Amino acid sequence: MKLEKVAVLGAGAVGAYVLWGMSEKPGIRLGVVAEGERARRLQNGIGINGKVYHPEVWTPEEAHGADLLIVALKYGALPGALDSIRQVVGEHTIVMSLMNGVDSEEIIAAEVGADHLLYSLIKVASHKEADGFRFDPDTTLGIIYGELAAPFESERVQAVAALFEGTGVRFRATEHIREEMWSKFRLNVCNNLPQAILGAGVGCYRDSVHMKAISDGLRKELMAIAAAKGIDLSIVDKNSGRGSAVPPDARYSTLQDIDAGRHTEIDMFSGALMRMGKELGIPTPYNEYTYHMIKALEEKNDGLFDYSGKDQEPTWAK
């Protein structure tokens, strides 16, 4: 098996990392799937680490039958992209979802069939500047992927390794991909969300016992749900080390979204844990508060609470 036609759906930070690493790979066709105004913008290029890249831009029909489809969307964009994914996927297409969370594979599989999915995640700390996306290749952990069940050294696992070999993309295969995905999910829930509410850099977890208490409360709920699902995070904790070093003023994706006035991926984080908690009978009060608080911050960004200059009926405090 050789992967020669690679399509990327989503041109945000994750898609930019893939394009940056693989743009010089010989012997493959690499394209971004987009239509309409988005396609026209992409034809002007994507700024990545100070350089402008000009990938091919394909419609879903032009990308049909790609050997590999990498889905790198924001969670809120996935429902509207399912038709495009269905059009791209051919009989032998491998689909890797590099989205946050733990349920995008199931959503995609419901459209194209579970046999196409090769479970995966990405760890890349990036931010957007005026000239495009920025990340440090030397500290990026990259793509982690694997089969849910044996054989773990499958033909497609080896084909993906051959594709990434010699590129700037860091990667590794694992026999514990579900645990790896939940480990990243835990990081997002416990470190991404509380700082978004506070509006401070990640150093707040080190410097505030109150922020650590909130993070620990979110973690306890997540771990209870993972255990109920038979997911043993200690398997990957043994090999996780200290993770990636980040400066104390670093602002993770949820806070970046709030800073920019965008809606967040909170439905994929605390929203998903609330749903799972209800199914399993596990209380999730920390996640429920976090969910509603970040939803309220989105409403604030939308202007819902802008009462200046308006003739408003009084509200009554009770």
C-alpha atoms as a PDB file:
ATOM      1  CA  MET A   1       0.000   0.000   0.000  1.00  0.00           C
ATOM      2  CA  LYS A   2       1.348   3.405  -1.004  1.00  0.00           C
ATOM      3  CA  LEU A   3      -0.300   6.726  -0.176  1.00  0.00           C
ATOM      4  CA  GLU A   4       0.127   9.062  -3.136  1.00  0.00           C
ATOM      5  CA  LYS A   5      -2.897  11.368  -3.022  1.00  0.00           C
ATOM      6  CA  VAL A   6      -3.425  13.137   0.308  1.00  0.00           C
ATOM      7  CA  ALA A   7      -6.343  15.489   0.983  1.00  0.00           C
ATOM      8  CA  VAL A   8      -6.588  17.830   3.972  1.00  0.00           C
ATOM      9  CA  LEU A   9      -9.991  19.111   5.071  1.00  0.00           C
ATOM     10  CA  GLY A  10      -9.492  22.180   7.222  1.00  0.00           C
ATOM     11  CA  ALA A  11      -6.820  24.841   6.839  1.00  0.00           C
ATOM     12  CA  GLY A  12      -6.487  26.031  10.424  1.00  0.00           C
ATOM     13  CA  ALA A  13      -3.490  25.485  12.673  1.00  0.00           C
ATOM     14  CA  VAL A  14      -3.585  21.670  12.457  1.00  0.00           C
ATOM     15  CA  GLY A  15      -3.998  21.652   8.690  1.00  0.00           C
ATOM     16  CA  ALA A  16      -1.193  24.206   8.440  1.00  0.00           C
ATOM     17  CA  TYR A  17       1.157  21.921  10.388  1.00  0.00           C
ATOM     18  CA  VAL A  18       0.446  19.019   8.037  1.00  0.00           C
ATOM     19  CA  LEU A  19       0.896  21.203   4.962  1.00  0.00           C
ATOM     20  CA  TRP A  20       4.126  22.675   6.340  1.00  0.00           C
ATOM     21  CA  GLY A  21       5.622  19.255   6.922  1.00  0.00           C
ATOM     22  CA  MET A  22       4.496  17.473   3.795  1.00  0.00           C
ATOM     23  CA  SER A  23       4.601  20.167   1.123  1.00  0.00           C
ATOM     24  CA  GLU A  24       8.042  19.091  -0.084  1.00  0.00           C
ATOM     25  CA  LYS A  25       7.399  15.340   0.060  1.00  0.00           C
ATOM     26  CA  PRO A  26       8.232  13.902  -3.373  1.00  0.00           C
ATOM     27  CA  GLY A  27       5.916  11.493  -5.125  1.00  0.00           C
ATOM     28  CA  ILE A  28       2.630  12.627  -3.603  1.00  0.00           C
ATOM     29  CA  ARG A  29      -0.187  15.005  -4.502  1.00  0.00           C
ATOM     30  CA  LEU A  30      -1.212  17.140  -1.563  1.00  0.00           C
ATOM     31  CA  GLY A  31      -4.325  19.269  -1.612  1.00  0.00           C
ATOM     32  CA  VAL A  32      -6.741  21.156   0.617  1.00  0.00           C
ATOM     33  CA  VAL A  33     -10.441  20.444   0.182  1.00  0.00           C
ATOM     34  CA  ALA A  34     -12.503  23.639  -0.025  1.00  0.00           C
ATOM     35  CA  GLU A  35     -15.210  25.325  -2.029  1.00  0.00           C
ATOM     36  CA  GLY A  36     -16.540  28.816  -2.707  1.00  0.00           C
ATOM     37  CA  GLU A  37     -15.048  31.820  -0.960  1.00  0.00           C
ATOM     38  CA  ARG A  38     -12.859  29.636   1.270  1.00  0.00           C
ATOM     39  CA  ALA A  39     -11.289  28.046  -1.794  1.00  0.00           C
ATOM     40  CA  ARG A  40     -10.611  31.460  -3.304  1.00  0.00           C
ATOM     41  CA  ARG A  41      -8.874  32.596  -0.102  1.00  0.00           C
ATOM     42  CA  LEU A  42      -6.734  29.480   0.023  1.00  0.00           C
ATOM     43  CA  GLN A  43      -5.574  30.034  -3.545  1.00  0.00           C
ATOM     44  CA  ASN A  44      -3.787  33.135  -2.236  1.00  0.00           C
ATOM     45  CA  GLY A  45      -1.704  30.868  -0.029  1.00  0.00           C
ATOM     46  CA  ILE A  46      -1.377  29.985   3.658  1.00  0.00           C
ATOM     47  CA  GLY A  47       1.216  31.690   5.853  1.00  0.00           C
ATOM     48  CA  ILE A  48       3.099  29.208   8.041  1.00  0.00           C
ATOM     49  CA  ASN A  49       6.148  30.180  10.135  1.00  0.00           C
ATOM     50  CA  GLY A  50       6.824  33.214   7.977  1.00  0.00           C
ATOM     51  CA  LYS A  51       6.545  31.459   4.612  1.00  0.00           C
ATOM     52  CA  VAL A  52       3.570  31.375   2.242  1.00  0.00           C
ATOM     53  CA  TYR A  53       2.539  27.931   0.984  1.00  0.00           C
ATOM     54  CA  HIS A  54       0.377  27.336  -2.078  1.00  0.00           C
ATOM     55  CA  PRO A  55      -1.167  23.859  -1.877  1.00  0.00           C
ATOM     56  CA  GLU A  56      -3.526  22.567  -4.512  1.00  0.00           C
ATOM     57  CA  VAL A  57      -7.142  23.412  -3.703  1.00  0.00           C
ATOM     58  CA  TRP A  58      -9.637  20.680  -4.560  1.00  0.00           C
ATOM     59  CA  THR A  59     -13.387  20.431  -4.532  1.00  0.00           C
ATOM     60  CA  PRO A  60     -14.685  17.297  -2.770  1.00  0.00           C
ATOM     61  CA  GLU A  61     -15.296  15.763  -6.192  1.00  0.00           C
ATOM     62  CA  GLU A  62     -11.704  16.451  -7.278  1.00  0.00           C
ATOM     63  CA  ALA A  63     -10.418  14.934  -4.043  1.00  0.00           C
ATOM     64  CA  HIS A  64     -12.584  11.813  -4.417  1.00  0.00           C
ATOM     65  CA  GLY A  65     -10.693   8.583  -3.962  1.00  0.00           C
ATOM     66  CA  ALA A  66      -7.771  10.159  -2.084  1.00  0.00           C
ATOM     67  CA  ASP A  67      -5.548   7.548  -0.480  1.00  0.00           C
ATOM     68  CA  LEU A  68      -5.596   9.521   2.777  1.00  0.00           C
ATOM     69  CA  LEU A  69      -8.045  12.149   4.024  1.00  0.00           C
ATOM     70  CA  ILE A  70      -6.877  14.172   7.029  1.00  0.00           C
ATOM     71  CA  VAL A  71      -9.765  15.908   8.789  1.00  0.00           C
ATOM     72  CA  ALA A  72      -8.479  18.971  10.637  1.00  0.00           C
ATOM     73  CA  LEU A  73     -11.654  20.930  11.363  1.00  0.00           C
ATOM     74  CA  LYS A  74     -13.024  22.763  14.362  1.00  0.00           C
ATOM     75  CA  TYR A  75     -15.713  20.691  16.061  1.00  0.00           C
ATOM     76  CA  GLY A  76     -18.524  23.067  15.147  1.00  0.00           C
ATOM     77  CA  ALA A  77     -17.648  22.757  11.459  1.00  0.00           C
ATOM     78  CA  LEU A  78     -17.844  18.952  11.362  1.00  0.00           C
ATOM     79  CA  PRO A  79     -21.616  18.517  10.869  1.00  0.00           C
ATOM     80  CA  GLY A  80     -21.573  20.828   7.843  1.00  0.00           C
ATOM     81  CA  ALA A  81     -18.561  19.021   6.375  1.00  0.00           C
ATOM     82  CA  LEU A  82     -19.932  15.463   6.502  1.00  0.00           C
ATOM     83  CA  ASP A  83     -21.281  15.645   2.966  1.00  0.00           C
ATOM     84  CA  SER A  84     -17.843  16.748   1.704  1.00  0.00           C
ATOM     85  CA  ILE A  85     -16.171  13.913   3.619  1.00  0.00           C
ATOM     86  CA  ARG A  86     -18.592  11.434   2.078  1.00  0.00           C
ATOM     87  CA  GLN A  87     -17.761  12.754  -1.408  1.00  0.00           C
ATOM     88  CA  VAL A  88     -14.002  12.516  -0.851  1.00  0.00           C
ATOM     89  CA  VAL A  89     -13.920   9.001   0.582  1.00  0.00           C
ATOM     90  CA  GLY A  90     -13.470   6.258  -1.994  1.00  0.00           C
ATOM     91  CA  GLU A  91     -13.323   2.518  -1.578  1.00  0.00           C
ATOM     92  CA  HIS A  92      -9.753   2.496  -0.255  1.00  0.00           C
ATOM     93  CA  THR A  93      -9.526   5.927   1.417  1.00  0.00           C
ATOM     94  CA  ILE A  94      -8.003   6.028   4.916  1.00  0.00           C
ATOM     95  CA  VAL A  95      -9.485   8.755   7.134  1.00  0.00           C
ATOM     96  CA  MET A  96      -7.514  10.261  10.022  1.00  0.00           C
ATOM     97  CA  SER A  97      -9.323  12.809  12.187  1.00  0.00           C
ATOM     98  CA  LEU A  98      -6.894  15.155  13.934  1.00  0.00           C
ATOM     99  CA  MET A  99      -9.706  16.985  15.678  1.00  0.00           C
ATOM    100  CA  ASN A 100      -9.824  17.552  19.416  1.00  0.00           C
ATOM    101  CA  GLY A 101     -12.112  15.452  21.579  1.00  0.00           C
ATOM    102  CA  VAL A 102     -12.931  11.759  21.551  1.00  0.00           C
ATOM    103  CA  ASP A 103     -16.000  11.397  19.348  1.00  0.00           C
ATOM    104  CA  SER A 104     -15.235  12.812  15.885  1.00  0.00           C
ATOM    105  CA  GLU A 105     -14.235   9.359  14.603  1.00  0.00           C
ATOM    106  CA  GLU A 106     -17.634   7.946  15.523  1.00  0.00           C
ATOM    107  CA  ILE A 107     -19.423  10.870  13.839  1.00  0.00           C
ATOM    108  CA  ILE A 108     -17.400  10.412  10.637  1.00  0.00           C
ATOM    109  CA  ALA A 109     -17.722   6.621  10.739  1.00  0.00           C
ATOM    110  CA  ALA A 110     -21.512   6.957  10.794  1.00  0.00           C
ATOM    111  CA  GLU A 111     -21.234   8.622   7.374  1.00  0.00           C
ATOM    112  CA  VAL A 112     -18.513   6.624   5.602  1.00  0.00           C
ATOM    113  CA  GLY A 113     -18.127   3.396   7.585  1.00  0.00           C
ATOM    114  CA  ALA A 114     -15.823   2.557  10.481  1.00  0.00           C
ATOM    115  CA  ASP A 115     -13.437   0.548   8.285  1.00  0.00           C
ATOM    116  CA  HIS A 116     -12.083   3.782   6.794  1.00  0.00           C
ATOM    117  CA  LEU A 117     -11.055   5.269  10.145  1.00  0.00           C
ATOM    118  CA  LEU A 118      -7.502   5.106  11.462  1.00  0.00           C
ATOM    119  CA  TYR A 119      -7.689   6.653  14.927  1.00  0.00           C
ATOM    120  CA  SER A 120      -5.308   9.530  15.576  1.00  0.00           C
ATOM    121  CA  LEU A 121      -4.598  12.764  17.399  1.00  0.00           C
ATOM    122  CA  ILE A 122      -2.184  15.655  17.111  1.00  0.00           C
ATOM    123  CA  LYS A 123      -0.257  17.626  19.705  1.00  0.00           C
ATOM    124  CA  VAL A 124       0.859  20.990  18.355  1.00  0.00           C
ATOM    125  CA  ALA A 125       1.034  24.278  20.251  1.00  0.00           C
ATOM    126  CA  SER A 126       0.390  27.018  17.711  1.00  0.00           C
ATOM    127  CA  HIS A 127      -1.026  30.495  17.416  1.00  0.00           C
ATOM    128  CA  LYS A 128      -2.116  32.797  14.626  1.00  0.00           C
ATOM    129  CA  GLU A 129      -0.429  36.076  13.790  1.00  0.00           C
ATOM    130  CA  ALA A 130      -1.014  38.645  11.074  1.00  0.00           C
ATOM    131  CA  ASP A 131       1.143  36.707   8.612  1.00  0.00           C
ATOM    132  CA  GLY A 132      -0.383  33.287   9.349  1.00  0.00           C
ATOM    133  CA  PHE A 133       0.212  30.402  11.729  1.00  0.00           C
ATOM    134  CA  ARG A 134       3.232  29.987  13.969  1.00  0.00           C
ATOM    135  CA  PHE A 135       4.520  26.942  15.841  1.00  0.00           C
ATOM    136  CA  ASP A 136       7.874  25.580  17.001  1.00  0.00           C
ATOM    137  CA  PRO A 137       8.751  22.409  15.040  1.00  0.00           C
ATOM    138  CA  ASP A 138      11.334  21.392  17.658  1.00  0.00           C
ATOM    139  CA  THR A 139       8.850  21.265  20.550  1.00  0.00           C
ATOM    140  CA  THR A 140       5.876  19.895  18.584  1.00  0.00           C
ATOM    141  CA  LEU A 141       5.019  16.316  19.552  1.00  0.00           C
ATOM    142  CA  GLY A 142       3.122  15.756  16.311  1.00  0.00           C
ATOM    143  CA  ILE A 143       0.733  13.024  15.187  1.00  0.00           C
ATOM    144  CA  ILE A 144       0.004   9.885  17.210  1.00  0.00           C
ATOM    145  CA  TYR A 145      -2.050   7.182  15.524  1.00  0.00           C
ATOM    146  CA  GLY A 146      -2.882   3.498  15.579  1.00  0.00           C
ATOM    147  CA  GLU A 147      -5.348   0.680  15.124  1.00  0.00           C
ATOM    148  CA  LEU A 148      -7.976   0.068  17.781  1.00  0.00           C
ATOM    149  CA  ALA A 149      -7.204  -3.663  17.712  1.00  0.00           C
ATOM    150  CA  ALA A 150      -4.535  -6.056  16.440  1.00  0.00           C
ATOM    151  CA  PRO A 151      -2.796  -6.264  14.068  1.00  0.00           C
ATOM    152  CA  PHE A 152      -1.265  -3.024  15.306  1.00  0.00           C
ATOM    153  CA  GLU A 153       1.469  -3.058  12.648  1.00  0.00           C
ATOM    154  CA  SER A 154      -1.159  -3.155   9.916  1.00  0.00           C
ATOM    155  CA  GLU A 155      -0.459  -2.349   6.297  1.00  0.00           C
ATOM    156  CA  ARG A 156      -2.075   1.053   6.597  1.00  0.00           C
ATOM    157  CA  VAL A 157      -0.170   1.910   9.804  1.00  0.00           C
ATOM    158  CA  GLN A 158       3.051   1.188   7.930  1.00  0.00           C
ATOM    159  CA  ALA A 159       1.857   3.132   4.889  1.00  0.00           C
ATOM    160  CA  VAL A 160       1.191   6.235   7.005  1.00  0.00           C
ATOM    161  CA  ALA A 161       4.648   5.901   8.576  1.00  0.00           C
ATOM    162  CA  ALA A 162       6.200   5.745   5.104  1.00  0.00           C
ATOM    163  CA  LEU A 163       4.222   8.821   4.082  1.00  0.00           C
ATOM    164  CA  PHE A 164       5.395  10.917   7.043  1.00  0.00           C
ATOM    165  CA  GLU A 165       8.982   9.636   6.962  1.00  0.00           C
ATOM    166  CA  GLY A 166      11.412  12.298   5.804  1.00  0.00           C
ATOM    167  CA  THR A 167       8.942  15.167   6.266  1.00  0.00           C
ATOM    168  CA  GLY A 168       8.864  17.754   9.009  1.00  0.00           C
ATOM    169  CA  VAL A 169       5.863  16.012  10.558  1.00  0.00           C
ATOM    170  CA  ARG A 170       6.659  14.244  13.805  1.00  0.00           C
ATOM    171  CA  PHE A 171       4.733  11.012  14.279  1.00  0.00           C
ATOM    172  CA  ARG A 172       4.551   7.734  16.130  1.00  0.00           C
ATOM    173  CA  ALA A 173       2.277   4.710  16.028  1.00  0.00           C
ATOM    174  CA  THR A 174       0.837   3.267  19.218  1.00  0.00           C
ATOM    175  CA  GLU A 175      -1.022   0.169  20.373  1.00  0.00           C
ATOM    176  CA  HIS A 176      -2.981   2.325  22.828  1.00  0.00           C
ATOM    177  CA  ILE A 177      -4.548   4.954  20.603  1.00  0.00           C
ATOM    178  CA  ARG A 178      -7.819   5.217  22.566  1.00  0.00           C
ATOM    179  CA  GLU A 179      -5.910   5.853  25.795  1.00  0.00           C
ATOM    180  CA  GLU A 180      -3.671   8.380  24.022  1.00  0.00           C
ATOM    181  CA  MET A 181      -6.739  10.227  22.733  1.00  0.00           C
ATOM    182  CA  TRP A 182      -8.307  10.336  26.192  1.00  0.00           C
ATOM    183  CA  SER A 183      -5.009  11.550  27.643  1.00  0.00           C
ATOM    184  CA  LYS A 184      -5.060  14.530  25.282  1.00  0.00           C
ATOM    185  CA  PHE A 185      -8.763  14.992  26.000  1.00  0.00           C
ATOM    186  CA  ARG A 186      -7.900  15.210  29.701  1.00  0.00           C
ATOM    187  CA  LEU A 187      -5.248  17.847  28.994  1.00  0.00           C
ATOM    188  CA  ASN A 188      -7.737  19.933  27.027  1.00  0.00           C
ATOM    189  CA  VAL A 189     -10.484  19.689  29.618  1.00  0.00           C
ATOM    190  CA  CYS A 190      -8.301  20.291  32.687  1.00  0.00           C
ATOM    191  CA  ASN A 191      -5.800  22.849  31.324  1.00  0.00           C
ATOM    192  CA  ASN A 192      -7.583  24.421  28.378  1.00  0.00           C
ATOM    193  CA  LEU A 193     -10.937  25.286  29.936  1.00  0.00           C
ATOM    194  CA  PRO A 194     -10.293  26.861  33.378  1.00  0.00           C
ATOM    195  CA  GLN A 195      -7.748  29.329  31.991  1.00  0.00           C
ATOM    196  CA  ALA A 196     -10.280  30.323  29.319  1.00  0.00           C
ATOM    197  CA  ILE A 197     -12.726  31.381  32.019  1.00  0.00           C
ATOM    198  CA  LEU A 198     -10.025  33.234  33.986  1.00  0.00           C
ATOM    199  CA  GLY A 199      -8.468  34.809  30.900  1.00  0.00           C
ATOM    200  CA  ALA A 200      -4.892  34.174  32.059  1.00  0.00           C
ATOM    201  CA  GLY A 201      -1.876  32.219  30.869  1.00  0.00           C
ATOM    202  CA  VAL A 202      -1.264  28.607  31.861  1.00  0.00           C
ATOM    203  CA  GLY A 203       1.034  29.694  34.658  1.00  0.00           C
ATOM    204  CA  CYS A 204      -2.172  30.196  36.668  1.00  0.00           C
ATOM    205  CA  TYR A 205      -2.280  26.464  37.441  1.00  0.00           C
ATOM    206  CA  ARG A 206       1.167  26.660  39.009  1.00  0.00           C
ATOM    207  CA  ASP A 207       0.576  29.907  40.868  1.00  0.00           C
ATOM    208  CA  SER A 208      -2.999  29.562  42.171  1.00  0.00           C
ATOM    209  CA  VAL A 209      -4.319  26.838  44.477  1.00  0.00           C
ATOM    210  CA  HIS A 210      -7.825  27.873  43.389  1.00  0.00           C
ATOM    211  CA  MET A 211      -7.143  27.261  39.703  1.00  0.00           C
ATOM    212  CA  LYS A 212      -5.516  23.952  40.553  1.00  0.00           C
ATOM    213  CA  ALA A 213      -8.603  22.965  42.566  1.00  0.00           C
ATOM    214  CA  ILE A 214     -10.854  23.650  39.554  1.00  0.00           C
ATOM    215  CA  SER A 215      -8.544  21.716  37.247  1.00  0.00           C
ATOM    216  CA  ASP A 216      -8.458  18.814  39.703  1.00  0.00           C
ATOM    217  CA  GLY A 217     -12.253  18.773  39.932  1.00  0.00           C
ATOM    218  CA  LEU A 218     -12.596  18.528  36.156  1.00  0.00           C
ATOM    219  CA  ARG A 219      -9.955  15.798  36.105  1.00  0.00           C
ATOM    220  CA  LYS A 220     -11.715  13.714  38.755  1.00  0.00           C
ATOM    221  CA  GLU A 221     -14.955  13.679  36.743  1.00  0.00           C
ATOM    222  CA  LEU A 222     -13.169  12.804  33.498  1.00  0.00           C
ATOM    223  CA  MET A 223     -11.213   9.988  35.126  1.00  0.00           C
ATOM    224  CA  ALA A 224     -14.405   8.498  36.591  1.00  0.00           C
ATOM    225  CA  ILE A 225     -16.039   8.457  33.159  1.00  0.00           C
ATOM    226  CA  ALA A 226     -12.936   6.995  31.506  1.00  0.00           C
ATOM    227  CA  ALA A 227     -12.777   4.225  34.119  1.00  0.00           C
ATOM    228  CA  ALA A 228     -16.455   3.428  33.556  1.00  0.00           C
ATOM    229  CA  LYS A 229     -15.714   3.049  29.846  1.00  0.00           C
ATOM    230  CA  GLY A 230     -12.784   0.710  30.531  1.00  0.00           C
ATOM    231  CA  ILE A 231     -10.152   3.237  29.488  1.00  0.00           C
ATOM    232  CA  ASP A 232      -7.017   2.895  31.623  1.00  0.00           C
ATOM    233  CA  LEU A 233      -5.111   6.162  31.344  1.00  0.00           C
ATOM    234  CA  SER A 234      -2.294   4.844  33.532  1.00  0.00           C
ATOM    235  CA  ILE A 235      -1.133   2.908  30.451  1.00  0.00           C
ATOM    236  CA  VAL A 236      -0.085   6.118  28.711  1.00  0.00           C
ATOM    237  CA  ASP A 237       0.732   8.064  31.881  1.00  0.00           C
ATOM    238  CA  LYS A 238       3.741   5.796  32.382  1.00  0.00           C
ATOM    239  CA  ASN A 239       5.261   7.001  29.115  1.00  0.00           C
ATOM    240  CA  SER A 240       4.005  10.573  28.996  1.00  0.00           C
ATOM    241  CA  GLY A 241       6.857  12.158  30.945  1.00  0.00           C
ATOM    242  CA  ARG A 242       6.458  15.856  31.626  1.00  0.00           C
ATOM    243  CA  GLY A 243       4.955  16.719  28.244  1.00  0.00           C
ATOM    244  CA  SER A 244       5.888  19.884  26.355  1.00  0.00           C
ATOM    245  CA  ALA A 245       7.356  22.933  28.045  1.00  0.00           C
ATOM    246  CA  VAL A 246       5.257  26.067  27.482  1.00  0.00           C
ATOM    247  CA  PRO A 247       5.738  29.629  28.735  1.00  0.00           C
ATOM    248  CA  PRO A 248       3.483  30.688  31.643  1.00  0.00           C
ATOM    249  CA  ASP A 249       1.711  33.257  29.461  1.00  0.00           C
ATOM    250  CA  ALA A 250       0.664  30.606  26.891  1.00  0.00           C
ATOM    251  CA  ARG A 251      -3.012  30.757  25.935  1.00  0.00           C
ATOM    252  CA  TYR A 252      -4.533  27.477  24.763  1.00  0.00           C
ATOM    253  CA  SER A 253      -7.101  27.125  21.985  1.00  0.00           C
ATOM    254  CA  THR A 254     -10.280  27.839  23.955  1.00  0.00           C
ATOM    255  CA  LEU A 255      -8.906  31.099  25.320  1.00  0.00           C
ATOM    256  CA  GLN A 256      -7.553  31.977  21.870  1.00  0.00           C
ATOM    257  CA  ASP A 257     -11.087  31.524  20.506  1.00  0.00           C
ATOM    258  CA  ILE A 258     -12.582  33.729  23.223  1.00  0.00           C
ATOM    259  CA  ASP A 259      -9.873  36.374  22.707  1.00  0.00           C
ATOM    260  CA  ALA A 260     -10.730  36.426  18.998  1.00  0.00           C
ATOM    261  CA  GLY A 261     -14.490  36.561  19.558  1.00  0.00           C
ATOM    262  CA  ARG A 262     -15.030  33.099  18.079  1.00  0.00           C
ATOM    263  CA  HIS A 263     -17.231  30.335  19.392  1.00  0.00           C
ATOM    264  CA  THR A 264     -15.255  27.605  21.143  1.00  0.00           C
ATOM    265  CA  GLU A 265     -15.177  23.812  21.073  1.00  0.00           C
ATOM    266  CA  ILE A 266     -16.740  23.525  24.537  1.00  0.00           C
ATOM    267  CA  ASP A 267     -19.405  21.120  23.232  1.00  0.00           C
ATOM    268  CA  MET A 268     -16.625  18.687  22.389  1.00  0.00           C
ATOM    269  CA  PHE A 269     -15.019  19.030  25.837  1.00  0.00           C
ATOM    270  CA  SER A 270     -17.293  19.536  28.848  1.00  0.00           C
ATOM    271  CA  GLY A 271     -20.380  19.109  26.681  1.00  0.00           C
ATOM    272  CA  ALA A 272     -19.288  15.597  25.720  1.00  0.00           C
ATOM    273  CA  LEU A 273     -18.436  14.725  29.330  1.00  0.00           C
ATOM    274  CA  MET A 274     -21.833  15.923  30.499  1.00  0.00           C
ATOM    275  CA  ARG A 275     -23.537  13.670  27.940  1.00  0.00           C
ATOM    276  CA  MET A 276     -21.379  10.688  28.875  1.00  0.00           C
ATOM    277  CA  GLY A 277     -21.888  11.358  32.565  1.00  0.00           C
ATOM    278  CA  LYS A 278     -25.658  11.276  32.149  1.00  0.00           C
ATOM    279  CA  GLU A 279     -25.456   8.014  30.197  1.00  0.00           C
ATOM    280  CA  LEU A 280     -23.285   6.431  32.882  1.00  0.00           C
ATOM    281  CA  GLY A 281     -24.947   7.947  35.943  1.00  0.00           C
ATOM    282  CA  ILE A 282     -21.784   9.877  36.917  1.00  0.00           C
ATOM    283  CA  PRO A 283     -22.269  13.455  38.231  1.00  0.00           C
ATOM    284  CA  THR A 284     -20.271  16.153  36.421  1.00  0.00           C
ATOM    285  CA  PRO A 285     -20.835  19.415  38.357  1.00  0.00           C
ATOM    286  CA  TYR A 286     -17.432  20.927  37.547  1.00  0.00           C
ATOM    287  CA  ASN A 287     -17.921  20.277  33.836  1.00  0.00           C
ATOM    288  CA  GLU A 288     -21.495  21.564  33.913  1.00  0.00           C
ATOM    289  CA  TYR A 289     -20.396  24.849  35.466  1.00  0.00           C
ATOM    290  CA  THR A 290     -17.486  25.141  33.038  1.00  0.00           C
ATOM    291  CA  TYR A 291     -19.745  24.397  30.062  1.00  0.00           C
ATOM    292  CA  HIS A 292     -22.315  27.048  30.974  1.00  0.00           C
ATOM    293  CA  MET A 293     -19.672  29.622  31.911  1.00  0.00           C
ATOM    294  CA  ILE A 294     -17.866  29.332  28.577  1.00  0.00           C
ATOM    295  CA  LYS A 295     -21.194  29.379  26.714  1.00  0.00           C
ATOM    296  CA  ALA A 296     -21.961  32.636  28.567  1.00  0.00           C
ATOM    297  CA  LEU A 297     -18.574  34.044  27.499  1.00  0.00           C
ATOM    298  CA  GLU A 298     -19.493  33.210  23.906  1.00  0.00           C
ATOM    299  CA  GLU A 299     -22.780  35.079  24.381  1.00  0.00           C
ATOM    300  CA  LYS A 300     -20.828  38.019  25.775  1.00  0.00           C
ATOM    301  CA  ASN A 301     -18.634  38.041  22.676  1.00  0.00           C
ATOM    302  CA  ASP A 302     -21.789  37.928  20.553  1.00  0.00           C
ATOM    303  CA  GLY A 303     -22.947  41.168  22.207  1.00  0.00           C
ATOM    304  CA  LEU A 304     -25.804  39.683  24.202  1.00  0.00           C
ATOM    305  CA  PHE A 305     -24.821  41.585  27.347  1.00  0.00           C
ATOM    306  CA  ASP A 306     -24.051  44.940  25.736  1.00  0.00           C
ATOM    307  CA  TYR A 307     -26.586  47.132  27.515  1.00  0.00           C
ATOM    308  CA  SER A 308     -24.911  50.482  26.782  1.00  0.00           C
ATOM    309  CA  GLY A 309     -26.980  53.040  24.917  1.00  0.00           C
ATOM    310  CA  LYS A 310     -30.131  50.937  25.008  1.00  0.00           C
ATOM    311  CA  ASP A 311     -33.539  51.700  26.423  1.00  0.00           C
ATOM    312  CA  GLN A 312     -33.799  48.643  28.643  1.00  0.00           C
ATOM    313  CA  GLU A 313     -36.539  47.410  30.903  1.00  0.00           C
ATOM    314  CA  PRO A 314     -35.202  47.115  34.462  1.00  0.00           C
ATOM    315  CA  THR A 315     -34.390  43.697  35.832  1.00  0.00           C
ATOM    316  CA  TRP A 316     -35.267  42.658  39.359  1.00  0.00           C
ATOM    317  CA  ALA A 317     -32.764  41.124  41.738  1.00  0.00           C
ATOM    318  CA  LYS A 318     -34.370  38.434  43.877  1.00  0.00           C
END
